[in-house]
Every structure is written in C-alpha cells, then in structure tokens.
Protein backbone atom coordinates (compact mmCIF):
# COMPACT_ATOMS: atom_id res chain seq x y z
CA UNK A 1 -77.46 80.30 -30.06
CA UNK A 2 -81.24 80.44 -30.09
CA UNK A 3 -82.52 80.18 -26.52
CA UNK A 4 -81.84 81.73 -23.12
CA UNK A 5 -82.95 79.99 -19.94
CA UNK A 6 -83.91 82.27 -17.06
CA UNK A 7 -83.61 80.44 -13.74
CA UNK A 8 -85.67 81.95 -10.92
CA UNK A 9 -85.17 80.42 -7.46
CA UNK A 10 -88.20 81.20 -5.32
CA UNK A 11 -88.69 81.08 -1.57
CA UNK A 12 -91.65 82.94 -0.03
CA UNK A 13 -91.93 85.66 -2.68
CA UNK A 14 -95.72 85.85 -3.10
CA UNK A 15 -95.62 89.67 -2.88
CA UNK A 16 -93.24 90.17 -5.82
CA UNK A 17 -93.24 87.03 -7.99
CA UNK A 18 -95.87 88.03 -10.54
CA UNK A 19 -94.45 91.53 -10.97
CA UNK A 20 -90.90 90.32 -11.60
CA UNK A 21 -92.21 87.75 -14.09
CA UNK A 22 -93.91 90.55 -16.05
CA UNK A 23 -90.59 92.38 -16.16
CA UNK A 24 -88.79 89.25 -17.36
CA UNK A 25 -91.41 88.69 -20.06
CA UNK A 26 -91.17 92.26 -21.34
CA UNK A 27 -87.36 92.41 -21.30
CA UNK A 28 -85.42 91.78 -24.51
CA UNK A 29 -82.79 89.07 -24.17
CA UNK A 30 -81.14 89.96 -27.49
CA UNK A 31 -84.02 88.41 -29.42
CA UNK A 32 -83.44 84.92 -28.02
CA UNK A 33 -86.31 82.57 -27.26
CA UNK A 34 -86.99 82.56 -23.51
CA UNK A 35 -87.27 79.50 -21.32
CA UNK A 36 -88.39 80.56 -17.84
CA UNK A 37 -87.91 77.99 -15.08
CA UNK A 38 -89.10 78.61 -11.52
CA UNK A 39 -87.56 76.52 -8.74
CA UNK A 40 -89.69 76.64 -5.60
CA UNK A 41 -87.59 75.96 -2.51
CA UNK A 42 -90.55 74.91 -0.34
CA UNK A 43 -92.39 78.24 -0.07
CA UNK A 44 -95.00 78.44 2.69
CA UNK A 45 -96.42 81.96 2.21
CA UNK A 46 -98.92 81.22 -0.56
CA UNK A 47 -96.39 81.43 -3.40
CA UNK A 48 -97.27 77.89 -4.52
CA UNK A 49 -100.87 78.92 -5.15
CA UNK A 50 -99.66 81.52 -7.66
CA UNK A 51 -98.01 78.88 -9.86
CA UNK A 52 -101.43 77.46 -10.74
CA UNK A 53 -102.13 80.49 -12.93
CA UNK A 54 -98.68 80.78 -14.49
CA UNK A 55 -97.62 79.24 -17.84
CA UNK A 56 -94.07 78.41 -16.78
CA UNK A 57 -92.21 75.26 -15.82
CA UNK A 58 -92.08 74.98 -12.02
CA UNK A 59 -89.73 72.61 -10.20
CA UNK A 60 -90.55 71.86 -6.55
CA UNK A 61 -88.35 71.08 -3.57
CA UNK A 62 -89.92 68.95 -0.83
CA UNK A 63 -88.11 70.91 1.89
CA UNK A 64 -86.20 74.18 2.10
CA UNK A 65 -82.63 73.67 0.91
CA UNK A 66 -81.36 77.11 -0.11
CA UNK A 67 -80.59 79.17 -3.19
CA UNK A 68 -77.63 77.08 -4.27
CA UNK A 69 -79.65 73.88 -4.19
CA UNK A 70 -82.46 75.54 -6.14
CA UNK A 71 -80.05 76.70 -8.83
CA UNK A 72 -78.45 73.27 -9.02
CA UNK A 73 -81.91 71.88 -9.79
CA UNK A 74 -82.40 74.63 -12.35
CA UNK A 75 -79.10 74.01 -14.15
CA UNK A 76 -79.95 70.33 -14.46
CA UNK A 77 -83.22 71.17 -16.22
CA UNK A 78 -82.16 74.15 -18.36
CA UNK A 79 -82.17 73.64 -22.14
CA UNK A 80 -81.04 77.11 -23.27
CA UNK A 81 -77.76 77.97 -24.97
CA UNK A 82 -77.26 80.74 -22.39
CA UNK A 83 -78.36 80.50 -18.75
CA UNK A 84 -79.04 83.52 -16.55
CA UNK A 85 -80.11 83.89 -12.92
CA UNK A 86 -82.98 86.11 -11.80
CA UNK A 87 -84.09 86.50 -8.18
CA UNK A 88 -87.83 86.51 -7.53
CA UNK A 89 -87.79 89.90 -5.78
CA UNK A 90 -87.51 93.33 -7.42
CA UNK A 91 -83.92 94.23 -6.51
CA UNK A 92 -82.67 93.79 -10.09
CA UNK A 93 -84.19 94.92 -13.40
CA UNK A 94 -84.25 92.32 -16.22
CA UNK A 95 -83.69 95.03 -18.85
CA UNK A 96 -80.06 95.05 -17.68
CA UNK A 97 -79.51 91.51 -18.90
CA UNK A 98 -79.29 92.24 -22.64
CA UNK A 99 -75.72 93.69 -22.59
CA UNK A 100 -74.49 90.73 -20.52
CA UNK A 101 -76.08 88.22 -22.89
CA UNK A 102 -74.74 90.12 -25.90
CA UNK A 103 -71.13 89.59 -24.79
CA UNK A 104 -71.70 85.83 -24.80
CA UNK A 105 -73.58 85.91 -28.11
CA UNK A 106 -70.73 87.84 -29.70
CA UNK A 107 -68.27 85.17 -28.60
CA UNK A 108 -66.37 87.47 -26.24
CA UNK A 109 -67.36 85.95 -22.89
CA UNK A 110 -68.08 82.58 -21.31
CA UNK A 111 -69.49 84.23 -18.19
CA UNK A 112 -70.72 87.77 -17.57
CA UNK A 113 -71.52 89.39 -14.21
CA UNK A 114 -73.72 92.42 -13.61
CA UNK A 115 -71.98 94.68 -11.11
CA UNK A 116 -73.95 96.89 -8.72
CA UNK A 117 -70.76 98.63 -7.60
CA UNK A 118 -69.04 99.71 -10.80
CA UNK A 119 -71.16 102.86 -11.25
CA UNK A 120 -73.17 104.18 -14.18
CA UNK A 121 -76.55 102.72 -13.16
CA UNK A 122 -79.19 103.63 -10.54
CA UNK A 123 -78.41 102.03 -7.19
CA UNK A 124 -80.39 102.29 -3.97
CA UNK A 125 -78.17 102.94 -0.99
CA UNK A 126 -76.86 99.67 0.46
CA UNK A 127 -77.14 98.81 4.10
CA UNK A 128 -73.67 99.85 5.30
CA UNK A 129 -72.74 96.43 6.66
CA UNK A 130 -73.78 94.78 3.40
CA UNK A 131 -71.71 97.23 1.36
CA UNK A 132 -68.63 96.55 3.48
CA UNK A 133 -69.26 92.82 3.27
CA UNK A 134 -69.61 92.90 -0.52
CA UNK A 135 -66.44 94.93 -0.97
CA UNK A 136 -64.47 92.67 1.36
CA UNK A 137 -65.66 89.48 -0.35
CA UNK A 138 -64.82 90.87 -3.78
CA UNK A 139 -61.37 91.93 -2.52
CA UNK A 140 -60.77 88.48 -1.05
CA UNK A 141 -61.83 86.91 -4.35
CA UNK A 142 -59.38 89.08 -6.26
CA UNK A 143 -56.52 88.26 -3.89
CA UNK A 144 -57.16 84.51 -3.96
CA UNK A 145 -57.92 84.15 -7.67
CA UNK A 146 -55.99 86.98 -9.31
CA UNK A 147 -59.15 88.64 -10.66
CA UNK A 148 -60.44 92.22 -10.73
CA UNK A 149 -64.11 91.75 -9.85
CA UNK A 150 -66.05 94.57 -8.22
CA UNK A 151 -69.17 92.59 -7.21
CA UNK A 152 -68.67 88.86 -6.72
CA UNK A 153 -71.94 88.52 -4.78
CA UNK A 154 -74.17 89.90 -7.54
CA UNK A 155 -77.26 87.92 -8.47
CA UNK A 156 -76.96 88.81 -12.16
CA UNK A 157 -74.78 86.17 -13.72
CA UNK A 158 -75.01 84.97 -17.33
CA UNK A 159 -73.33 81.75 -18.44
CA UNK A 160 -72.61 80.00 -21.69
CA UNK A 161 -74.57 76.81 -21.06
CA UNK A 162 -71.98 74.31 -22.21
CA UNK A 163 -69.42 76.01 -19.94
CA UNK A 164 -71.48 76.14 -16.75
CA UNK A 165 -72.93 72.64 -17.16
CA UNK A 166 -69.41 71.27 -16.92
CA UNK A 167 -69.13 72.59 -13.36
CA UNK A 168 -70.52 70.67 -10.39
CA UNK A 169 -72.07 72.89 -7.71
CA UNK A 170 -71.98 71.62 -4.12
CA UNK A 171 -73.15 74.63 -2.08
CA UNK A 172 -76.79 74.67 -1.03
CA UNK A 173 -77.28 78.18 0.26
CA UNK A 174 -75.93 81.68 -0.52
CA UNK A 175 -72.39 80.29 -0.66
CA UNK A 176 -73.33 79.35 -4.23
CA UNK A 177 -72.04 82.78 -5.30
CA UNK A 178 -68.43 82.37 -4.10
CA UNK A 179 -68.35 78.73 -5.19
CA UNK A 180 -69.44 79.40 -8.77
CA UNK A 181 -67.11 82.39 -8.99
CA UNK A 182 -64.17 80.35 -7.69
CA UNK A 183 -64.82 77.56 -10.15
CA UNK A 184 -65.30 79.66 -13.27
CA UNK A 185 -62.13 81.60 -12.47
CA UNK A 186 -60.12 78.43 -11.82
CA UNK A 187 -61.29 77.06 -15.16
CA UNK A 188 -60.03 80.11 -17.01
CA UNK A 189 -63.42 81.52 -18.00
CA UNK A 190 -63.52 84.66 -20.10
CA UNK A 191 -65.39 86.61 -17.43
CA UNK A 192 -66.64 90.16 -17.98
CA UNK A 193 -68.45 92.63 -15.72
CA UNK A 194 -70.97 95.27 -16.77
CA UNK A 195 -72.89 97.73 -14.57
CA UNK A 196 -76.48 96.93 -13.58
CA UNK A 197 -79.13 98.76 -11.60
CA UNK A 198 -79.88 97.79 -8.01
CA UNK A 199 -83.03 98.46 -5.99
CA UNK A 200 -82.06 96.81 -2.71
CA UNK A 201 -84.59 96.01 -0.04
CA UNK A 202 -84.43 95.95 3.76
CA UNK A 203 -85.00 92.94 6.01
CA UNK A 204 -88.48 94.31 6.72
CA UNK A 205 -89.17 94.06 2.97
CA UNK A 206 -88.13 90.43 2.77
CA UNK A 207 -84.33 90.47 2.38
CA UNK A 208 -82.95 87.11 3.52
CA UNK A 209 -79.14 87.22 3.39
CA UNK A 210 -77.41 87.92 6.74
CA UNK A 211 -73.89 88.32 8.19
CA UNK A 212 -73.78 84.56 8.75
CA UNK A 213 -73.92 84.06 4.99
CA UNK A 214 -70.90 86.34 4.72
CA UNK A 215 -68.94 84.02 7.01
CA UNK A 216 -69.92 81.03 4.87
CA UNK A 217 -68.85 82.96 1.76
CA UNK A 218 -65.37 83.56 3.21
CA UNK A 219 -65.02 79.88 4.04
CA UNK A 220 -66.18 78.90 0.55
CA UNK A 221 -63.74 81.26 -1.19
CA UNK A 222 -60.80 79.85 0.75
CA UNK A 223 -61.93 76.22 0.49
CA UNK A 224 -62.56 76.23 -3.25
CA UNK A 225 -59.25 77.96 -3.92
CA UNK A 226 -57.46 74.81 -2.85
CA UNK A 227 -59.88 71.95 -3.57
CA UNK A 228 -62.26 70.83 -6.34
C-alpha cells in the first residue's frame, strides 16, 4: 500500500476549509502518499472561490445533494489503497488518523472507525440531545448487527479501498453513516475502533446535522438490516 486518499465533502465551509487543509497536509498518514480530493456539494458562501488558489482535485456538484452523494462521487474517483473521510470543518483533528490507517496497513483491519465516545482523547462537551442521539443510534446498530460500536455516527472512517469500492452506497445525505456501517458489518468486515479527539461546534458555528437526520438514520439502520 502506497497511497491514502482523503475525501473531503464540502458545503459552505469558506470559514474553515483552508485551515483544515493545512492540518491534513501537516498530518502524517503513516508515510503514505496523500491524494486529497474535495467534493463541493454546490457551496454558495464563497467556498468555490477558494478552490482557485488550491492545488487539489476538486469535484463539483451542480446542485446540493448531501454528504452521502458527495462521498459517493469521491469513492468513484479515489485512487488510493486506503480511503479516509475528513469533514471540512474543524471538529476532528487529522493527526488522529495515523493509528486508524496503521491497523489497515498492518493487515489487521478492513475498516477502522475513530470513536469520540470511547475516552482517552480531548472531547468538547456534546450538545445533550446529540449525545443521546449518538448513543441510541450506536446501541441500535449493535442490537441489529451484533456489533459493539461506541460511535457509529463518527466522521472518521478509514477503509481498505478494495473493500469499500465493492459496496454500493445509495444514501445521499447524513444517512450515509448508518448505511455504510450496516453494509460493512453485513459483509463481515474486520472493523476496529480507536479513540479520536472531538472539537464539536454549535449550530451558530455552522453545524448542519439535526434531529431529522437522526430519524433518517434509524430508518436506514432498520432498512439495510433486511435489504441490500
């Protein structure tokens, strides 16, 4: 394995995009060559102007489709041996990716999740409703799929490329997280969790996920347990 692809879905993140890219550039992904792919999901806040001064591949959506759709586009264009997901805000720190990638490089994992809820790393206090929602969704995942995950909804997910590219993603929005988790578990992935830091933001700071996405996540977990 020689290359890691970092997929960054972007929607109206002009305030944080350049800073998170600096963090990605400076982070060590176990010495692997980095391929950074930005997928712009029809940003309208000036984000698209920033791309003109960046040296990365940018893929554009002609209308807003959601995080799942952006990642589907990213997976189709990724050429790395390992694929990781990085949000365009500053809630997660790319330095936490190296231990996740290392488990795949060492042949121990097909998929590795970074858990915000397993302890051992700095974590900004969650909004209470989000914490309850995350715990409930992880519990439901464990009941339905016989797993022991602590943080199904985490952004930080690392995949062995030839494993994840064999999975077809249908969800367009934040229900990507339960769908991909359901499908990797149903396919018998060697899935590990490691703790990661979390610097959560409020809605006033640009957070986009809401309680409605939690409802869609429940539906997705149940649906993909029995189909596809």
